[in-house]
Amino acid sequence: ERHDEKITVYVSAEELMDLEHARLVLRGEHGLAVDRGRIVREAVAVVLADLESRGDASILVRRLRGR
């Protein structure tokens, strides 16, 4: 699927290392060769679906509220 829209997101060095680690785990342990952009797009889709279905109880709302 082609992605025509672009945003810039700033992350900490630790968050970037966690993302890279996830990429390597996906490749090494699960045989999935995906780039960091794909991981981020999938993670966003999962979190937004959770927000849509669970609303106030969603992981996004709870994390943003610090719970």
PDB file of N, CA and C in Angstrom:
ATOM      1  N   GLU A   1       0.839  -1.179   0.000  1.00  0.00           N
ATOM      2  CA  GLU A   1       0.000   0.000   0.000  1.00  0.00           C
ATOM      3  C   GLU A   1       0.882   1.240   0.000  1.00  0.00           C
ATOM      4  N   ARG A   2       0.549   2.186  -0.848  1.00  0.00           N
ATOM      5  CA  ARG A   2       1.320   3.425  -0.943  1.00  0.00           C
ATOM      6  C   ARG A   2       0.843   4.419   0.116  1.00  0.00           C
ATOM      7  N   HIS A   3       1.786   5.109   0.706  1.00  0.00           N
ATOM      8  CA  HIS A   3       1.474   6.110   1.726  1.00  0.00           C
ATOM      9  C   HIS A   3       1.923   7.469   1.215  1.00  0.00           C
ATOM     10  N   ASP A   4       0.974   8.345   0.935  1.00  0.00           N
ATOM     11  CA  ASP A   4       1.284   9.648   0.352  1.00  0.00           C
ATOM     12  C   ASP A   4       1.428  10.761   1.382  1.00  0.00           C
ATOM     13  N   GLU A   5       0.920  10.558   2.562  1.00  0.00           N
ATOM     14  CA  GLU A   5       0.969  11.596   3.589  1.00  0.00           C
ATOM     15  C   GLU A   5       2.156  11.359   4.516  1.00  0.00           C
ATOM     16  N   LYS A   6       2.708  12.462   5.024  1.00  0.00           N
ATOM     17  CA  LYS A   6       3.884  12.354   5.876  1.00  0.00           C
ATOM     18  C   LYS A   6       3.719  13.268   7.085  1.00  0.00           C
ATOM     19  N   ILE A   7       4.151  12.768   8.244  1.00  0.00           N
ATOM     20  CA  ILE A   7       4.235  13.594   9.442  1.00  0.00           C
ATOM     21  C   ILE A   7       5.622  13.376  10.050  1.00  0.00           C
ATOM     22  N   THR A   8       6.051  14.328  10.825  1.00  0.00           N
ATOM     23  CA  THR A   8       7.307  14.187  11.551  1.00  0.00           C
ATOM     24  C   THR A   8       6.975  13.993  13.023  1.00  0.00           C
ATOM     25  N   VAL A   9       7.564  12.973  13.612  1.00  0.00           N
ATOM     26  CA  VAL A   9       7.344  12.680  15.027  1.00  0.00           C
ATOM     27  C   VAL A   9       8.705  12.633  15.702  1.00  0.00           C
ATOM     28  N   TYR A  10       8.844  13.362  16.783  1.00  0.00           N
ATOM     29  CA  TYR A  10      10.088  13.346  17.532  1.00  0.00           C
ATOM     30  C   TYR A  10       9.972  12.341  18.671  1.00  0.00           C
ATOM     31  N   VAL A  11      10.985  11.503  18.811  1.00  0.00           N
ATOM     32  CA  VAL A  11      11.015  10.500  19.868  1.00  0.00           C
ATOM     33  C   VAL A  11      12.336  10.618  20.618  1.00  0.00           C
ATOM     34  N   SER A  12      12.361  10.092  21.818  1.00  0.00           N
ATOM     35  CA  SER A  12      13.599  10.088  22.595  1.00  0.00           C
ATOM     36  C   SER A  12      14.536   9.013  22.046  1.00  0.00           C
ATOM     37  N   ALA A  13      15.784   9.084  22.440  1.00  0.00           N
ATOM     38  CA  ALA A  13      16.755   8.066  22.030  1.00  0.00           C
ATOM     39  C   ALA A  13      16.310   6.690  22.517  1.00  0.00           C
ATOM     40  N   GLU A  14      15.764   6.631  23.726  1.00  0.00           N
ATOM     41  CA  GLU A  14      15.300   5.356  24.278  1.00  0.00           C
ATOM     42  C   GLU A  14      14.122   4.800  23.474  1.00  0.00           C
ATOM     43  N   GLU A  15      13.189   5.661  23.105  1.00  0.00           N
ATOM     44  CA  GLU A  15      12.047   5.213  22.299  1.00  0.00           C
ATOM     45  C   GLU A  15      12.499   4.707  20.934  1.00  0.00           C
ATOM     46  N   LEU A  16      13.474   5.375  20.346  1.00  0.00           N
ATOM     47  CA  LEU A  16      14.000   4.934  19.057  1.00  0.00           C
ATOM     48  C   LEU A  16      14.692   3.584  19.190  1.00  0.00           C
ATOM     49  N   MET A  17      15.437   3.394  20.274  1.00  0.00           N
ATOM     50  CA  MET A  17      16.091   2.103  20.504  1.00  0.00           C
ATOM     51  C   MET A  17      15.047   1.005  20.729  1.00  0.00           C
ATOM     52  N   ASP A  18      13.985   1.311  21.443  1.00  0.00           N
ATOM     53  CA  ASP A  18      12.903   0.338  21.651  1.00  0.00           C
ATOM     54  C   ASP A  18      12.245  -0.041  20.330  1.00  0.00           C
ATOM     55  N   LEU A  19      12.042   0.935  19.467  1.00  0.00           N
ATOM     56  CA  LEU A  19      11.448   0.678  18.157  1.00  0.00           C
ATOM     57  C   LEU A  19      12.364  -0.198  17.314  1.00  0.00           C
ATOM     58  N   GLU A  20      13.645   0.108  17.331  1.00  0.00           N
ATOM     59  CA  GLU A  20      14.612  -0.699  16.579  1.00  0.00           C
ATOM     60  C   GLU A  20      14.686  -2.114  17.146  1.00  0.00           C
ATOM     61  N   HIS A  21      14.641  -2.235  18.458  1.00  0.00           N
ATOM     62  CA  HIS A  21      14.649  -3.557  19.093  1.00  0.00           C
ATOM     63  C   HIS A  21      13.435  -4.365  18.650  1.00  0.00           C
ATOM     64  N   ALA A  22      12.266  -3.717  18.628  1.00  0.00           N
ATOM     65  CA  ALA A  22      11.050  -4.399  18.170  1.00  0.00           C
ATOM     66  C   ALA A  22      11.212  -4.868  16.728  1.00  0.00           C
ATOM     67  N   ARG A  23      11.802  -4.039  15.888  1.00  0.00           N
ATOM     68  CA  ARG A  23      12.030  -4.414  14.490  1.00  0.00           C
ATOM     69  C   ARG A  23      12.906  -5.657  14.402  1.00  0.00           C
ATOM     70  N   LEU A  24      13.953  -5.700  15.202  1.00  0.00           N
ATOM     71  CA  LEU A  24      14.866  -6.845  15.194  1.00  0.00           C
ATOM     72  C   LEU A  24      14.200  -8.099  15.753  1.00  0.00           C
ATOM     73  N   VAL A  25      13.382  -7.953  16.787  1.00  0.00           N
ATOM     74  CA  VAL A  25      12.640  -9.094  17.342  1.00  0.00           C
ATOM     75  C   VAL A  25      11.660  -9.636  16.306  1.00  0.00           C
ATOM     76  N   LEU A  26      10.951  -8.748  15.636  1.00  0.00           N
ATOM     77  CA  LEU A  26      10.008  -9.187  14.603  1.00  0.00           C
ATOM     78  C   LEU A  26      10.726  -9.972  13.509  1.00  0.00           C
ATOM     79  N   ARG A  27      11.909  -9.508  13.131  1.00  0.00           N
ATOM     80  CA  ARG A  27      12.673 -10.203  12.096  1.00  0.00           C
ATOM     81  C   ARG A  27      13.263 -11.503  12.617  1.00  0.00           C
ATOM     82  N   GLY A  28      13.927 -11.449  13.768  1.00  0.00           N
ATOM     83  CA  GLY A  28      14.648 -12.607  14.282  1.00  0.00           C
ATOM     84  C   GLY A  28      13.772 -13.709  14.845  1.00  0.00           C
ATOM     85  N   GLU A  29      12.744 -13.332  15.586  1.00  0.00           N
ATOM     86  CA  GLU A  29      11.922 -14.329  16.272  1.00  0.00           C
ATOM     87  C   GLU A  29      10.631 -14.678  15.540  1.00  0.00           C
ATOM     88  N   HIS A  30      10.203 -13.796  14.625  1.00  0.00           N
ATOM     89  CA  HIS A  30       8.907 -14.009  13.981  1.00  0.00           C
ATOM     90  C   HIS A  30       8.992 -14.060  12.454  1.00  0.00           C
ATOM     91  N   GLY A  31      10.202 -13.870  11.914  1.00  0.00           N
ATOM     92  CA  GLY A  31      10.387 -13.948  10.470  1.00  0.00           C
ATOM     93  C   GLY A  31       9.701 -12.840   9.689  1.00  0.00           C
ATOM     94  N   LEU A  32       9.481 -11.690  10.331  1.00  0.00           N
ATOM     95  CA  LEU A  32       8.807 -10.562   9.687  1.00  0.00           C
ATOM     96  C   LEU A  32       9.807  -9.450   9.414  1.00  0.00           C
ATOM     97  N   ALA A  33      10.128  -9.235   8.154  1.00  0.00           N
ATOM     98  CA  ALA A  33      11.059  -8.175   7.769  1.00  0.00           C
ATOM     99  C   ALA A  33      10.251  -6.917   7.461  1.00  0.00           C
ATOM    100  N   VAL A  34      10.099  -6.069   8.467  1.00  0.00           N
ATOM    101  CA  VAL A  34       9.335  -4.832   8.304  1.00  0.00           C
ATOM    102  C   VAL A  34      10.190  -3.653   8.748  1.00  0.00           C
ATOM    103  N   ASP A  35       9.894  -2.481   8.187  1.00  0.00           N
ATOM    104  CA  ASP A  35      10.648  -1.300   8.589  1.00  0.00           C
ATOM    105  C   ASP A  35       9.965  -0.608   9.771  1.00  0.00           C
ATOM    106  N   ARG A  36      10.655   0.352  10.336  1.00  0.00           N
ATOM    107  CA  ARG A  36      10.123   1.043  11.516  1.00  0.00           C
ATOM    108  C   ARG A  36       8.824   1.774  11.204  1.00  0.00           C
ATOM    109  N   GLY A  37       8.717   2.323  10.000  1.00  0.00           N
ATOM    110  CA  GLY A  37       7.488   3.010   9.608  1.00  0.00           C
ATOM    111  C   GLY A  37       6.287   2.084   9.644  1.00  0.00           C
ATOM    112  N   ARG A  38       6.478   0.859   9.175  1.00  0.00           N
ATOM    113  CA  ARG A  38       5.377  -0.118   9.184  1.00  0.00           C
ATOM    114  C   ARG A  38       4.971  -0.450  10.613  1.00  0.00           C
ATOM    115  N   ILE A  39       5.965  -0.614  11.487  1.00  0.00           N
ATOM    116  CA  ILE A  39       5.666  -0.902  12.893  1.00  0.00           C
ATOM    117  C   ILE A  39       4.856   0.243  13.497  1.00  0.00           C
ATOM    118  N   VAL A  40       5.273   1.465  13.236  1.00  0.00           N
ATOM    119  CA  VAL A  40       4.570   2.629  13.780  1.00  0.00           C
ATOM    120  C   VAL A  40       3.148   2.699  13.231  1.00  0.00           C
ATOM    121  N   ARG A  41       2.964   2.486  11.927  1.00  0.00           N
ATOM    122  CA  ARG A  41       1.614   2.527  11.344  1.00  0.00           C
ATOM    123  C   ARG A  41       0.710   1.462  11.961  1.00  0.00           C
ATOM    124  N   GLU A  42       1.251   0.255  12.147  1.00  0.00           N
ATOM    125  CA  GLU A  42       0.453  -0.814  12.761  1.00  0.00           C
ATOM    126  C   GLU A  42       0.125  -0.488  14.214  1.00  0.00           C
ATOM    127  N   ALA A  43       1.094   0.051  14.945  1.00  0.00           N
ATOM    128  CA  ALA A  43       0.864   0.409  16.348  1.00  0.00           C
ATOM    129  C   ALA A  43      -0.204   1.495  16.464  1.00  0.00           C
ATOM    130  N   VAL A  44      -0.150   2.482  15.583  1.00  0.00           N
ATOM    131  CA  VAL A  44      -1.162   3.542  15.586  1.00  0.00           C
ATOM    132  C   VAL A  44      -2.535   2.949  15.294  1.00  0.00           C
ATOM    133  N   ALA A  45      -2.618   2.063  14.314  1.00  0.00           N
ATOM    134  CA  ALA A  45      -3.900   1.435  13.964  1.00  0.00           C
ATOM    135  C   ALA A  45      -4.467   0.656  15.147  1.00  0.00           C
ATOM    136  N   VAL A  46      -3.616  -0.079  15.848  1.00  0.00           N
ATOM    137  CA  VAL A  46      -4.061  -0.866  17.009  1.00  0.00           C
ATOM    138  C   VAL A  46      -4.573   0.050  18.117  1.00  0.00           C
ATOM    139  N   VAL A  47      -3.828   1.098  18.414  1.00  0.00           N
ATOM    140  CA  VAL A  47      -4.213   2.011  19.497  1.00  0.00           C
ATOM    141  C   VAL A  47      -5.502   2.755  19.150  1.00  0.00           C
ATOM    142  N   LEU A  48      -5.642   3.182  17.896  1.00  0.00           N
ATOM    143  CA  LEU A  48      -6.859   3.893  17.502  1.00  0.00           C
ATOM    144  C   LEU A  48      -8.079   2.973  17.511  1.00  0.00           C
ATOM    145  N   ALA A  49      -7.899   1.720  17.118  1.00  0.00           N
ATOM    146  CA  ALA A  49      -9.004   0.754  17.175  1.00  0.00           C
ATOM    147  C   ALA A  49      -9.417   0.513  18.625  1.00  0.00           C
ATOM    148  N   ASP A  50      -8.440   0.431  19.521  1.00  0.00           N
ATOM    149  CA  ASP A  50      -8.730   0.256  20.946  1.00  0.00           C
ATOM    150  C   ASP A  50      -9.476   1.470  21.488  1.00  0.00           C
ATOM    151  N   LEU A  51      -9.064   2.664  21.092  1.00  0.00           N
ATOM    152  CA  LEU A  51      -9.753   3.886  21.514  1.00  0.00           C
ATOM    153  C   LEU A  51     -11.196   3.876  21.024  1.00  0.00           C
ATOM    154  N   GLU A  52     -11.397   3.497  19.774  1.00  0.00           N
ATOM    155  CA  GLU A  52     -12.745   3.455  19.196  1.00  0.00           C
ATOM    156  C   GLU A  52     -13.640   2.454  19.930  1.00  0.00           C
ATOM    157  N   SER A  53     -13.091   1.298  20.251  1.00  0.00           N
ATOM    158  CA  SER A  53     -13.930   0.257  20.858  1.00  0.00           C
ATOM    159  C   SER A  53     -14.071   0.377  22.373  1.00  0.00           C
ATOM    160  N   ARG A  54     -13.059   0.910  23.049  1.00  0.00           N
ATOM    161  CA  ARG A  54     -13.089   0.917  24.516  1.00  0.00           C
ATOM    162  C   ARG A  54     -13.213   2.307  25.122  1.00  0.00           C
ATOM    163  N   GLY A  55     -13.038   3.332  24.309  1.00  0.00           N
ATOM    164  CA  GLY A  55     -13.214   4.705  24.787  1.00  0.00           C
ATOM    165  C   GLY A  55     -12.386   5.031  26.006  1.00  0.00           C
ATOM    166  N   ASP A  56     -13.056   5.413  27.073  1.00  0.00           N
ATOM    167  CA  ASP A  56     -12.397   5.853  28.303  1.00  0.00           C
ATOM    168  C   ASP A  56     -11.503   4.778  28.916  1.00  0.00           C
ATOM    169  N   ALA A  57     -11.798   3.520  28.638  1.00  0.00           N
ATOM    170  CA  ALA A  57     -11.005   2.414  29.183  1.00  0.00           C
ATOM    171  C   ALA A  57      -9.847   2.027  28.270  1.00  0.00           C
ATOM    172  N   SER A  58      -9.690   2.716  27.147  1.00  0.00           N
ATOM    173  CA  SER A  58      -8.633   2.364  26.192  1.00  0.00           C
ATOM    174  C   SER A  58      -7.251   2.612  26.786  1.00  0.00           C
ATOM    175  N   ILE A  59      -6.292   1.898  26.276  1.00  0.00           N
ATOM    176  CA  ILE A  59      -4.910   2.050  26.742  1.00  0.00           C
ATOM    177  C   ILE A  59      -4.399   3.469  26.484  1.00  0.00           C
ATOM    178  N   LEU A  60      -4.814   4.078  25.382  1.00  0.00           N
ATOM    179  CA  LEU A  60      -4.359   5.434  25.064  1.00  0.00           C
ATOM    180  C   LEU A  60      -4.861   6.434  26.099  1.00  0.00           C
ATOM    181  N   VAL A  61      -6.144   6.393  26.397  1.00  0.00           N
ATOM    182  CA  VAL A  61      -6.706   7.311  27.395  1.00  0.00           C
ATOM    183  C   VAL A  61      -6.050   7.080  28.750  1.00  0.00           C
ATOM    184  N   ARG A  62      -5.897   5.827  29.134  1.00  0.00           N
ATOM    185  CA  ARG A  62      -5.291   5.533  30.440  1.00  0.00           C
ATOM    186  C   ARG A  62      -3.845   6.013  30.510  1.00  0.00           C
ATOM    187  N   ARG A  63      -3.078   5.801  29.443  1.00  0.00           N
ATOM    188  CA  ARG A  63      -1.677   6.256  29.451  1.00  0.00           C
ATOM    189  C   ARG A  63      -1.583   7.778  29.459  1.00  0.00           C
ATOM    190  N   LEU A  64      -2.431   8.427  28.675  1.00  0.00           N
ATOM    191  CA  LEU A  64      -2.391   9.892  28.629  1.00  0.00           C
ATOM    192  C   LEU A  64      -2.826  10.509  29.955  1.00  0.00           C
ATOM    193  N   ARG A  65      -3.659   9.798  30.678  1.00  0.00           N
ATOM    194  CA  ARG A  65      -4.075  10.263  32.009  1.00  0.00           C
ATOM    195  C   ARG A  65      -3.084   9.849  33.092  1.00  0.00           C
ATOM    196  N   GLY A  66      -2.086   9.065  32.726  1.00  0.00           N
ATOM    197  CA  GLY A  66      -1.078   8.648  33.690  1.00  0.00           C
ATOM    198  C   GLY A  66      -1.485   7.495  34.561  1.00  0.00           C
ATOM    199  N   ARG A  67      -2.410   6.659  34.072  1.00  0.00           N
ATOM    200  CA  ARG A  67      -2.878   5.511  34.860  1.00  0.00           C
ATOM    201  C   ARG A  67      -2.443   4.214  34.239  1.00  0.00           C
TER     202      ARG A  67
END
